[in-house]
N, C-alpha and C. Protein backbone atom coordinates (compact mmCIF):
# COMPACT_ATOMS: atom_id res chain seq x y z
N MET A 1 -8.52 41.22 5.88
CA MET A 1 -8.47 43.32 6.25
C MET A 1 -7.43 43.96 6.50
N LEU A 2 -6.48 44.33 5.84
CA LEU A 2 -5.16 45.28 6.55
C LEU A 2 -5.32 46.45 6.76
N VAL A 3 -4.53 46.76 7.86
CA VAL A 3 -5.40 48.39 7.88
C VAL A 3 -3.15 48.73 7.90
N PRO A 4 -4.16 50.11 7.55
CA PRO A 4 -2.55 51.30 6.79
C PRO A 4 -1.40 51.37 8.93
N ASN A 5 -0.38 51.08 8.07
CA ASN A 5 -0.22 51.37 8.71
C ASN A 5 -0.29 50.05 10.43
N LEU A 6 -0.04 49.61 10.56
CA LEU A 6 -0.16 48.59 11.94
C LEU A 6 0.30 47.74 12.14
N LEU A 7 1.05 47.40 12.40
CA LEU A 7 2.27 46.44 12.49
C LEU A 7 1.62 44.36 13.26
N PRO A 8 1.30 43.76 12.88
CA PRO A 8 1.18 42.59 13.65
C PRO A 8 1.99 42.56 14.33
N GLU A 9 1.58 41.54 15.66
CA GLU A 9 1.83 41.21 16.55
C GLU A 9 2.90 40.11 16.58
N PHE A 10 4.01 39.97 17.26
CA PHE A 10 5.37 39.25 17.21
C PHE A 10 5.64 39.25 18.07
N GLU A 11 6.68 38.46 19.03
CA GLU A 11 7.08 37.99 19.71
C GLU A 11 8.47 36.90 19.01
N ALA A 12 9.62 38.34 19.07
CA ALA A 12 10.73 37.08 18.36
C ALA A 12 11.89 38.42 19.80
N LYS A 13 12.38 36.25 20.71
CA LYS A 13 13.81 36.62 21.04
C LYS A 13 14.73 35.79 20.93
N PRO A 14 15.99 37.37 20.87
CA PRO A 14 16.97 37.57 20.57
C PRO A 14 17.89 36.20 21.15
N ARG A 15 18.69 36.31 21.00
CA ARG A 15 19.94 34.19 20.49
C ARG A 15 20.99 35.69 21.15
N VAL A 16 22.04 34.88 21.97
CA VAL A 16 22.93 36.18 22.85
C VAL A 16 24.54 34.57 23.17
N PHE A 17 24.86 35.66 23.12
CA PHE A 17 26.52 35.10 22.08
C PHE A 17 28.02 35.44 23.11
N VAL A 18 28.76 34.90 24.00
CA VAL A 18 28.96 35.95 24.53
C VAL A 18 29.88 34.99 24.51
N ARG A 19 31.29 35.96 24.78
CA ARG A 19 32.99 35.14 24.46
C ARG A 19 34.36 35.74 25.39
N LYS A 20 35.06 35.46 25.44
CA LYS A 20 35.97 35.31 26.17
C LYS A 20 36.55 36.45 25.47
N MET A 21 38.04 37.22 25.49
CA MET A 21 38.25 38.03 23.39
C MET A 21 39.57 36.52 23.10
N GLY A 22 38.90 36.54 21.17
CA GLY A 22 40.25 35.33 20.63
C GLY A 22 39.55 34.12 20.71
N GLY A 23 38.33 33.34 21.34
CA GLY A 23 37.91 32.54 22.16
C GLY A 23 36.60 32.37 21.16
N GLU A 24 35.89 30.75 20.82
CA GLU A 24 34.82 31.11 20.44
C GLU A 24 33.43 31.47 20.97
N TYR A 25 32.05 31.93 20.50
CA TYR A 25 31.01 32.46 21.21
C TYR A 25 30.56 31.03 21.69
N LEU A 26 29.97 31.22 22.72
CA LEU A 26 28.71 30.30 23.36
C LEU A 26 27.71 30.91 23.51
N GLU A 27 26.34 30.24 23.63
CA GLU A 27 24.86 31.01 23.71
C GLU A 27 24.33 30.95 24.41
N ILE A 28 24.17 32.76 25.60
CA ILE A 28 23.74 32.57 26.76
C ILE A 28 22.13 31.39 26.28
N ALA A 29 21.47 30.45 27.29
CA ALA A 29 19.95 30.24 28.00
C ALA A 29 19.21 30.61 28.21
N GLY A 30 18.36 30.79 26.82
CA GLY A 30 17.15 31.30 28.12
C GLY A 30 16.47 32.69 27.30
N VAL A 31 17.37 33.12 26.58
CA VAL A 31 17.12 34.95 27.00
C VAL A 31 15.86 35.21 26.62
N LYS A 32 15.21 35.58 27.06
CA LYS A 32 13.76 36.99 26.99
C LYS A 32 13.72 38.17 26.87
N SER A 33 14.36 39.05 27.52
CA SER A 33 14.49 40.32 26.43
C SER A 33 15.86 40.81 26.69
N PHE A 34 16.40 42.11 26.56
CA PHE A 34 16.99 42.77 26.24
C PHE A 34 16.41 44.25 26.40
N GLU A 35 17.67 45.49 27.26
CA GLU A 35 17.40 46.44 27.34
C GLU A 35 18.88 47.28 27.34
N ARG A 36 18.76 48.32 26.76
CA ARG A 36 20.10 49.46 26.57
C ARG A 36 19.91 50.28 27.41
N ASN A 37 19.93 50.81 28.68
CA ASN A 37 20.05 51.84 29.50
C ASN A 37 20.67 52.58 28.97
N ASP A 38 21.18 53.81 28.96
CA ASP A 38 22.44 54.83 29.17
C ASP A 38 22.70 56.30 30.05
N HIS A 39 24.00 55.74 30.72
CA HIS A 39 23.51 56.28 31.75
C HIS A 39 24.89 57.34 32.57
N GLY A 40 24.25 58.44 30.95
CA GLY A 40 25.40 59.81 31.13
C GLY A 40 26.54 59.54 30.23
N SER A 41 27.47 60.43 31.97
CA SER A 41 28.83 60.45 31.72
C SER A 41 29.15 58.99 31.73
N ALA A 42 28.54 58.37 32.72
CA ALA A 42 28.85 56.86 33.16
C ALA A 42 29.05 55.55 32.39
N GLY A 43 28.18 55.78 31.39
CA GLY A 43 28.23 55.28 30.11
C GLY A 43 26.75 54.51 29.61
N ALA A 44 26.50 53.67 29.12
CA ALA A 44 26.20 52.72 28.35
C ALA A 44 25.39 51.16 28.91
N GLU A 45 24.56 49.85 29.29
CA GLU A 45 24.16 48.92 30.10
C GLU A 45 23.24 49.09 28.65
N ILE A 46 22.79 47.13 28.86
CA ILE A 46 22.38 46.31 27.83
C ILE A 46 22.50 45.11 29.44
N SER A 47 20.90 44.58 29.55
CA SER A 47 20.44 44.68 30.35
C SER A 47 20.10 43.17 29.96
N PHE A 48 19.69 41.78 30.05
CA PHE A 48 19.65 40.48 30.22
C PHE A 48 18.18 40.29 30.07
N VAL A 49 17.28 39.36 30.04
CA VAL A 49 17.06 38.63 30.81
C VAL A 49 17.11 36.95 31.00
N ILE A 50 17.44 36.47 31.60
CA ILE A 50 18.55 35.15 30.82
C ILE A 50 17.62 33.65 32.17
N ALA A 51 17.01 32.53 31.07
CA ALA A 51 17.23 31.10 31.50
C ALA A 51 18.02 31.42 33.07
N GLU A 52 18.10 31.44 34.31
CA GLU A 52 18.51 30.87 35.52
C GLU A 52 19.68 29.49 35.67
N LYS A 53 18.87 28.74 34.47
CA LYS A 53 20.30 28.12 34.32
C LYS A 53 21.41 27.11 33.45
N GLN A 54 23.13 27.85 33.05
CA GLN A 54 23.26 28.41 32.17
C GLN A 54 24.34 26.91 31.86
N ASP A 55 24.92 26.42 31.32
CA ASP A 55 26.19 26.02 30.64
C ASP A 55 27.06 26.57 31.87
N ASP A 56 27.63 25.60 31.99
CA ASP A 56 29.55 25.57 33.73
C ASP A 56 29.60 26.65 31.95
N ALA A 57 30.16 26.37 31.53
CA ALA A 57 31.31 27.41 29.86
C ALA A 57 30.36 28.97 29.70
N VAL A 58 29.18 28.95 30.05
CA VAL A 58 29.09 30.01 29.57
C VAL A 58 28.92 30.96 30.98
N LYS A 59 28.99 29.91 32.70
CA LYS A 59 29.09 30.63 33.89
C LYS A 59 29.60 31.35 34.46
N ARG A 60 31.13 31.22 33.13
CA ARG A 60 32.61 31.04 33.86
C ARG A 60 32.89 32.24 33.74
N ILE A 61 32.43 32.68 32.13
CA ILE A 61 32.54 34.22 30.85
C ILE A 61 31.57 35.02 31.74
N LEU A 62 30.59 34.69 32.81
CA LEU A 62 29.56 35.71 32.95
C LEU A 62 30.04 36.49 34.77
N GLN A 63 30.94 35.17 34.56
CA GLN A 63 31.15 35.44 36.94
C GLN A 63 31.69 36.63 37.06
N LYS A 64 31.41 37.52 38.48
CA LYS A 64 32.26 38.12 37.42
C LYS A 64 33.92 38.45 37.95
N GLU A 65 34.13 37.35 38.41
CA GLU A 65 35.91 37.33 38.56
C GLU A 65 35.78 36.61 36.96
N SER A 66 35.55 36.47 36.03
CA SER A 66 36.65 36.31 34.45
C SER A 66 37.09 38.07 34.69
N ASP A 67 38.11 37.76 34.41
CA ASP A 67 38.86 39.28 34.62
C ASP A 67 39.01 39.74 32.98
N GLY A 68 38.93 41.14 32.41
CA GLY A 68 38.66 41.70 31.53
C GLY A 68 36.89 41.99 30.67
N PHE A 69 38.05 42.01 29.24
CA PHE A 69 36.28 42.38 28.50
C PHE A 69 36.60 40.70 27.74
N ILE A 70 35.14 41.62 27.09
CA ILE A 70 34.69 40.22 27.00
C ILE A 70 33.89 40.53 25.80
N ASP A 71 33.59 39.33 24.71
CA ASP A 71 32.67 39.95 23.24
C ASP A 71 31.16 39.49 23.71
N VAL A 72 30.02 40.60 23.08
CA VAL A 72 28.80 40.22 23.07
C VAL A 72 28.85 40.07 21.95
N LYS A 73 27.43 38.64 21.52
CA LYS A 73 26.42 38.73 20.14
C LYS A 73 25.34 39.19 19.70
N ILE A 74 24.42 39.61 19.48
CA ILE A 74 22.43 39.32 19.60
C ILE A 74 22.62 39.31 18.66
N GLU A 75 22.00 38.57 18.17
CA GLU A 75 21.55 37.62 16.43
C GLU A 75 19.97 38.01 16.77
N LEU A 76 19.43 38.71 16.45
CA LEU A 76 17.49 39.28 15.87
C LEU A 76 17.04 38.88 15.16
N SER A 77 15.62 37.25 14.51
CA SER A 77 15.41 37.56 13.50
C SER A 77 14.20 37.80 13.18
N LEU A 78 13.91 38.86 11.94
CA LEU A 78 12.79 39.11 11.73
C LEU A 78 12.21 39.50 10.07
N GLY A 79 12.41 38.83 10.04
CA GLY A 79 12.57 38.38 8.20
C GLY A 79 13.82 38.21 8.06
N SER A 80 14.98 38.87 8.11
CA SER A 80 16.33 38.80 8.55
C SER A 80 17.19 38.98 9.42
N LEU A 81 17.71 38.17 9.60
CA LEU A 81 18.13 38.81 10.34
C LEU A 81 19.55 39.26 11.20
N MET A 82 19.23 40.28 12.12
CA MET A 82 20.51 41.42 12.75
C MET A 82 20.95 40.73 13.65
N VAL A 83 22.67 40.92 13.56
CA VAL A 83 23.86 40.40 14.44
C VAL A 83 24.48 41.95 15.00
N MET A 84 24.36 41.85 15.95
CA MET A 84 24.82 42.90 17.21
C MET A 84 25.87 43.11 17.81
N LYS A 85 27.16 42.99 17.73
CA LYS A 85 28.47 43.13 18.50
C LYS A 85 28.85 44.32 18.94
N PHE A 86 29.71 44.00 20.25
CA PHE A 86 30.05 44.74 21.44
C PHE A 86 30.56 44.37 22.15
N SER A 87 31.51 45.20 22.81
CA SER A 87 32.61 44.98 23.89
C SER A 87 32.69 45.14 25.46
N GLY A 88 32.29 44.38 26.54
CA GLY A 88 31.91 45.52 27.10
C GLY A 88 32.05 44.37 28.79
N GLN A 89 32.34 44.33 30.15
CA GLN A 89 32.62 43.81 31.01
C GLN A 89 30.89 43.62 31.79
N VAL A 90 31.18 42.97 32.50
CA VAL A 90 29.76 42.09 33.57
C VAL A 90 30.14 42.94 34.38
N GLU A 91 28.71 44.05 33.69
CA GLU A 91 27.78 44.03 35.80
C GLU A 91 27.59 44.05 36.59
N HIS A 92 26.62 42.61 36.96
CA HIS A 92 25.82 42.44 36.62
C HIS A 92 25.67 41.16 36.72
N TYR A 93 26.02 40.05 37.25
CA TYR A 93 25.08 38.35 37.19
C TYR A 93 24.98 37.25 38.48
N SER A 94 23.40 37.40 37.96
CA SER A 94 23.00 36.53 38.92
C SER A 94 22.18 35.53 38.44
N GLY A 95 21.46 34.42 39.00
CA GLY A 95 20.45 33.33 38.64
C GLY A 95 19.63 33.34 36.73
N GLY A 96 18.62 34.67 37.27
CA GLY A 96 17.68 35.56 35.82
C GLY A 96 18.61 36.64 35.14
N ALA A 97 19.53 36.47 35.28
CA ALA A 97 19.71 38.12 34.90
C ALA A 97 20.64 37.97 34.73
N VAL A 98 21.48 39.32 33.57
CA VAL A 98 23.24 39.58 33.11
C VAL A 98 23.00 41.26 32.33
N SER A 99 23.72 41.93 33.52
CA SER A 99 23.87 42.94 32.65
C SER A 99 25.32 43.48 32.39
N PHE A 100 26.01 43.91 30.76
CA PHE A 100 27.07 44.10 30.52
C PHE A 100 27.33 45.99 30.75
N ALA A 101 28.98 46.35 30.87
CA ALA A 101 29.16 47.18 30.34
C ALA A 101 29.41 47.85 29.03
N LEU A 102 29.22 48.42 28.61
CA LEU A 102 30.45 48.70 27.21
C LEU A 102 31.53 49.06 27.14
N SER A 103 31.42 48.42 26.59
CA SER A 103 33.13 49.63 25.90
C SER A 103 33.23 49.94 24.33
N SER A 104 32.73 49.54 23.96
CA SER A 104 32.76 49.78 22.90
C SER A 104 31.27 49.68 21.97
N ASP A 105 31.39 50.84 20.67
CA ASP A 105 30.69 50.88 20.39
C ASP A 105 29.33 49.94 19.67
N ILE A 106 28.24 49.94 19.74
CA ILE A 106 27.44 48.15 18.80
C ILE A 106 27.53 48.70 17.78
N THR A 107 27.77 46.92 16.92
CA THR A 107 28.06 47.36 15.11
C THR A 107 26.32 46.64 15.29
N THR A 108 26.56 47.16 14.00
CA THR A 108 25.45 46.05 13.58
C THR A 108 24.97 45.91 12.18
N ASP A 109 24.44 44.69 12.16
CA ASP A 109 24.96 44.26 9.75
C ASP A 109 23.56 43.08 10.71
N VAL A 110 22.99 43.33 8.98
CA VAL A 110 21.48 42.34 8.35
C VAL A 110 21.51 41.87 8.14
N VAL A 111 21.65 40.44 7.81
CA VAL A 111 21.67 39.03 6.74
C VAL A 111 20.97 38.92 5.68
N GLU A 112 20.45 39.31 4.82
CA GLU A 112 19.61 38.80 4.33
C GLU A 112 18.96 37.02 4.47
N THR A 113 18.12 36.65 4.39
CA THR A 113 17.54 34.90 4.53
C THR A 113 16.56 35.09 4.02
N PRO A 114 16.69 33.86 3.02
CA PRO A 114 15.84 33.23 2.18
C PRO A 114 14.06 33.53 2.28
N ASP A 115 13.95 34.23 3.29
CA ASP A 115 11.99 34.12 3.95
C ASP A 115 12.00 35.55 4.66
N THR A 116 12.87 36.42 3.75
CA THR A 116 12.67 37.44 3.88
C THR A 116 11.76 38.56 3.19
N LEU A 117 11.14 39.31 4.44
CA LEU A 117 8.97 39.74 3.65
C LEU A 117 9.65 41.22 2.19
N HIS A 118 9.15 40.42 1.57
CA HIS A 118 9.22 42.22 0.93
C HIS A 118 8.26 42.71 0.82
C-alpha cells in the first residue's frame, strides 16, 4: 500500500569530476556525500567525503599547490540526471575529504533519461 506524501528510502551517491580550466574532467573516486556551507561574507563552500585513494592526476588537481581555479561538476541521478557545475579553489584536501570555495554561481541542468519516473 502506498502512503501519500512519503518518499521511499533511497541512497543516491553523486559522481564528482574536476578539471583545471580548459582541461578534461577527471572523476574523484569514492564520493560518499557532500554538503554546502554558506559563510556569509566569506562565501560558500562545498565539502565532499571521498575515498582516501585517488588517481595521481586527480591528486595533482586537488592539492593546494595547484594554483588557480578549477571547474567542478557534480552528477546526481534520481530518475533524471542532475548536473551541477561551478568554479572554485580547493579550500582543503586530505585523504578522505575535499572542500572547495566557490568563485562562481552553481549552474544546474536536468537531463531526462529513458528510465525517468513519471
